[in-house]
């Protein structure tokens, strides 16, 4: 799938033709990050990004104590993806992907939703377990190798960088501020 920022300076292809999972998140952090009523995240196996001097990274602690690395375009500010060290999945922000099928999107953190959740959709009052991505999650969560690294500005954060961050309460693992 083709993905790009608003100005087109950072563009890439996802490694699969459809995501492992697609989430519509209603947590406060996703609402702040998108300046909207919810955020969207498409989960893919980790993949290399094309080099771009306009790709930048912001990091923040997550509720589980991990560090979330949030990549965005320095030119237009579009948030493009999030990643956590040691996990072989990447959260690509849904609005930057062309042609996503939203019919199977899973609503999470619905206990803080600002809009009604469509009847009959899969939803969770907080966050589902990571194994909900797909049956191959155990394989995806194996330690990353060099082929799976994010490239461009940022790359893999070091363990010492992540160790200094404190958890944020009441926010999903997919969001950023």
Protein backbone atom coordinates (compact mmCIF):
# COMPACT_ATOMS: atom_id res chain seq x y z
CA UNK A 1 0.00 0.00 0.00
CA UNK A 2 1.22 3.50 -0.76
CA UNK A 3 1.64 5.92 2.12
CA UNK A 4 2.85 9.51 2.29
CA UNK A 5 2.79 12.66 4.35
CA UNK A 6 0.55 15.59 3.45
CA UNK A 7 3.20 17.48 1.47
CA UNK A 8 4.53 14.33 -0.24
CA UNK A 9 8.14 14.77 0.95
CA UNK A 10 8.11 11.43 2.81
CA UNK A 11 6.55 8.49 0.95
CA UNK A 12 6.84 4.72 1.33
CA UNK A 13 5.15 1.39 0.60
CA UNK A 14 3.90 -0.95 3.30
CA UNK A 15 5.27 -4.51 3.28
CA UNK A 16 1.80 -6.08 2.88
CA UNK A 17 -1.25 -5.29 0.74
CA UNK A 18 -3.37 -5.03 3.89
CA UNK A 19 -2.51 -4.46 7.55
CA UNK A 20 -2.36 -7.19 10.18
CA UNK A 21 -4.88 -5.12 12.13
CA UNK A 22 -6.55 -1.73 11.81
CA UNK A 23 -7.45 0.24 14.92
CA UNK A 24 -9.53 3.32 15.57
CA UNK A 25 -8.35 4.53 18.95
CA UNK A 26 -10.37 6.82 21.21
CA UNK A 27 -7.74 7.36 23.94
CA UNK A 28 -6.78 10.88 25.01
CA UNK A 29 -3.25 10.58 23.55
CA UNK A 30 -4.54 9.63 20.09
CA UNK A 31 -7.06 12.46 20.21
CA UNK A 32 -4.29 14.93 21.08
CA UNK A 33 -1.94 13.53 18.44
CA UNK A 34 -4.54 13.89 15.69
CA UNK A 35 -6.34 16.98 17.05
CA UNK A 36 -9.52 15.01 16.39
CA UNK A 37 -12.03 12.69 18.07
CA UNK A 38 -9.87 9.57 17.48
CA UNK A 39 -6.66 8.27 15.91
CA UNK A 40 -6.16 5.47 13.39
CA UNK A 41 -3.36 2.91 13.23
CA UNK A 42 -2.67 0.17 10.70
CA UNK A 43 -0.37 -2.54 12.06
CA UNK A 44 2.28 -3.97 9.71
CA UNK A 45 5.44 -6.06 10.14
CA UNK A 46 8.45 -3.79 10.68
CA UNK A 47 9.90 -2.56 7.40
CA UNK A 48 12.65 -0.19 6.24
CA UNK A 49 11.65 3.34 5.29
CA UNK A 50 13.21 5.12 2.34
CA UNK A 51 15.93 7.55 3.43
CA UNK A 52 14.54 11.03 3.96
CA UNK A 53 16.20 14.00 5.57
CA UNK A 54 12.69 15.27 6.30
CA UNK A 55 11.76 12.29 8.52
CA UNK A 56 12.06 13.16 12.20
CA UNK A 57 11.29 11.34 15.44
CA UNK A 58 9.61 12.22 18.73
CA UNK A 59 9.64 9.74 21.62
CA UNK A 60 7.36 9.25 24.61
CA UNK A 61 6.80 6.66 27.34
CA UNK A 62 3.85 4.27 27.07
CA UNK A 63 1.58 2.93 29.84
CA UNK A 64 3.42 -0.42 29.80
CA UNK A 65 6.80 1.25 30.40
CA UNK A 66 8.09 0.99 26.83
CA UNK A 67 9.14 3.95 24.72
CA UNK A 68 7.13 4.81 21.64
CA UNK A 69 9.04 6.37 18.74
CA UNK A 70 6.78 8.60 16.65
CA UNK A 71 8.03 9.44 13.16
CA UNK A 72 6.77 12.50 11.31
CA UNK A 73 7.59 14.76 8.36
CA UNK A 74 9.63 17.79 9.41
CA UNK A 75 8.22 19.79 6.53
CA UNK A 76 4.43 19.40 7.02
CA UNK A 77 4.29 17.76 10.47
CA UNK A 78 2.27 14.71 9.38
CA UNK A 79 2.62 11.84 11.85
CA UNK A 80 3.47 8.76 9.75
CA UNK A 81 4.24 5.84 12.02
CA UNK A 82 5.05 4.64 15.50
CA UNK A 83 7.39 1.89 16.63
CA UNK A 84 8.62 0.38 19.90
CA UNK A 85 12.11 -1.16 20.32
CA UNK A 86 12.10 -4.97 20.39
CA UNK A 87 8.82 -5.35 18.51
CA UNK A 88 8.73 -6.32 14.87
CA UNK A 89 5.47 -4.50 14.17
CA UNK A 90 4.97 -0.88 13.17
CA UNK A 91 1.88 1.28 13.57
CA UNK A 92 1.37 3.26 10.36
CA UNK A 93 -1.04 6.15 10.84
CA UNK A 94 -4.17 5.26 8.88
CA UNK A 95 -4.76 8.66 7.31
CA UNK A 96 -1.50 8.55 5.35
CA UNK A 97 -2.27 5.22 3.61
CA UNK A 98 -4.10 5.08 0.28
CA UNK A 99 -6.90 2.55 -0.11
CA UNK A 100 -7.39 1.18 3.41
CA UNK A 101 -10.53 -0.91 3.92
CA UNK A 102 -12.07 0.52 7.09
CA UNK A 103 -14.90 -2.02 7.34
CA UNK A 104 -12.92 -4.30 9.70
CA UNK A 105 -11.41 -1.56 11.87
CA UNK A 106 -11.38 -2.35 15.59
CA UNK A 107 -12.37 0.43 17.99
CA UNK A 108 -10.20 0.59 21.13
CA UNK A 109 -10.33 2.73 24.27
CA UNK A 110 -14.05 3.19 23.69
CA UNK A 111 -14.55 4.10 27.37
CA UNK A 112 -13.17 7.53 26.47
CA UNK A 113 -14.84 7.87 23.04
CA UNK A 114 -16.18 11.29 22.07
CA UNK A 115 -18.37 9.88 19.28
CA UNK A 116 -20.77 6.91 19.18
CA UNK A 117 -19.18 3.56 18.29
CA UNK A 118 -20.94 1.95 15.30
CA UNK A 119 -23.20 -0.90 16.36
CA UNK A 120 -21.87 -4.37 15.56
CA UNK A 121 -18.20 -3.38 15.26
CA UNK A 122 -15.47 -5.11 17.21
CA UNK A 123 -14.55 -2.85 20.11
CA UNK A 124 -12.71 -2.83 23.43
CA UNK A 125 -13.17 -0.47 26.36
CA UNK A 126 -9.37 -0.24 26.67
CA UNK A 127 -6.62 -1.86 24.57
CA UNK A 128 -6.69 -5.46 23.30
CA UNK A 129 -3.69 -7.71 23.88
CA UNK A 130 -0.84 -7.52 21.39
CA UNK A 131 -1.57 -11.09 20.29
CA UNK A 132 -4.74 -9.78 18.65
CA UNK A 133 -2.67 -8.54 15.68
CA UNK A 134 -2.63 -11.96 14.07
CA UNK A 135 -1.80 -15.61 14.66
CA UNK A 136 1.86 -14.96 13.79
CA UNK A 137 2.38 -12.35 16.53
CA UNK A 138 4.90 -14.56 18.34
CA UNK A 139 7.04 -14.57 15.20
CA UNK A 140 6.63 -10.83 14.73
CA UNK A 141 7.77 -10.13 18.30
CA UNK A 142 11.08 -11.97 17.93
CA UNK A 143 14.14 -9.76 18.43
CA UNK A 144 14.62 -7.56 15.37
CA UNK A 145 17.46 -8.08 12.94
CA UNK A 146 19.21 -5.50 10.80
CA UNK A 147 16.91 -6.16 7.83
CA UNK A 148 13.90 -5.02 9.83
CA UNK A 149 15.36 -1.72 11.02
CA UNK A 150 13.69 1.57 10.37
CA UNK A 151 16.07 3.72 8.41
CA UNK A 152 16.32 7.43 7.74
CA UNK A 153 16.37 9.79 10.72
CA UNK A 154 15.97 7.91 13.96
CA UNK A 155 16.56 4.20 13.26
CA UNK A 156 16.53 1.90 16.27
CA UNK A 157 16.64 3.69 19.62
CA UNK A 158 19.08 2.34 22.15
CA UNK A 159 18.04 0.52 25.33
CA UNK A 160 19.58 3.30 27.44
CA UNK A 161 17.42 5.90 25.64
CA UNK A 162 14.28 3.95 26.42
CA UNK A 163 15.27 3.27 30.05
CA UNK A 164 14.91 6.94 31.05
CA UNK A 165 11.25 7.28 30.06
CA UNK A 166 8.35 7.05 32.53
CA UNK A 167 5.01 5.39 31.67
CA UNK A 168 1.92 7.42 30.74
CA UNK A 169 -1.35 6.27 32.32
CA UNK A 170 -4.61 5.91 30.39
CA UNK A 171 -3.17 5.97 26.87
CA UNK A 172 -2.84 3.29 24.27
CA UNK A 173 0.41 1.78 23.02
CA UNK A 174 -0.34 3.00 19.47
CA UNK A 175 -0.63 6.70 20.23
CA UNK A 176 1.74 9.59 20.56
CA UNK A 177 1.15 13.01 22.02
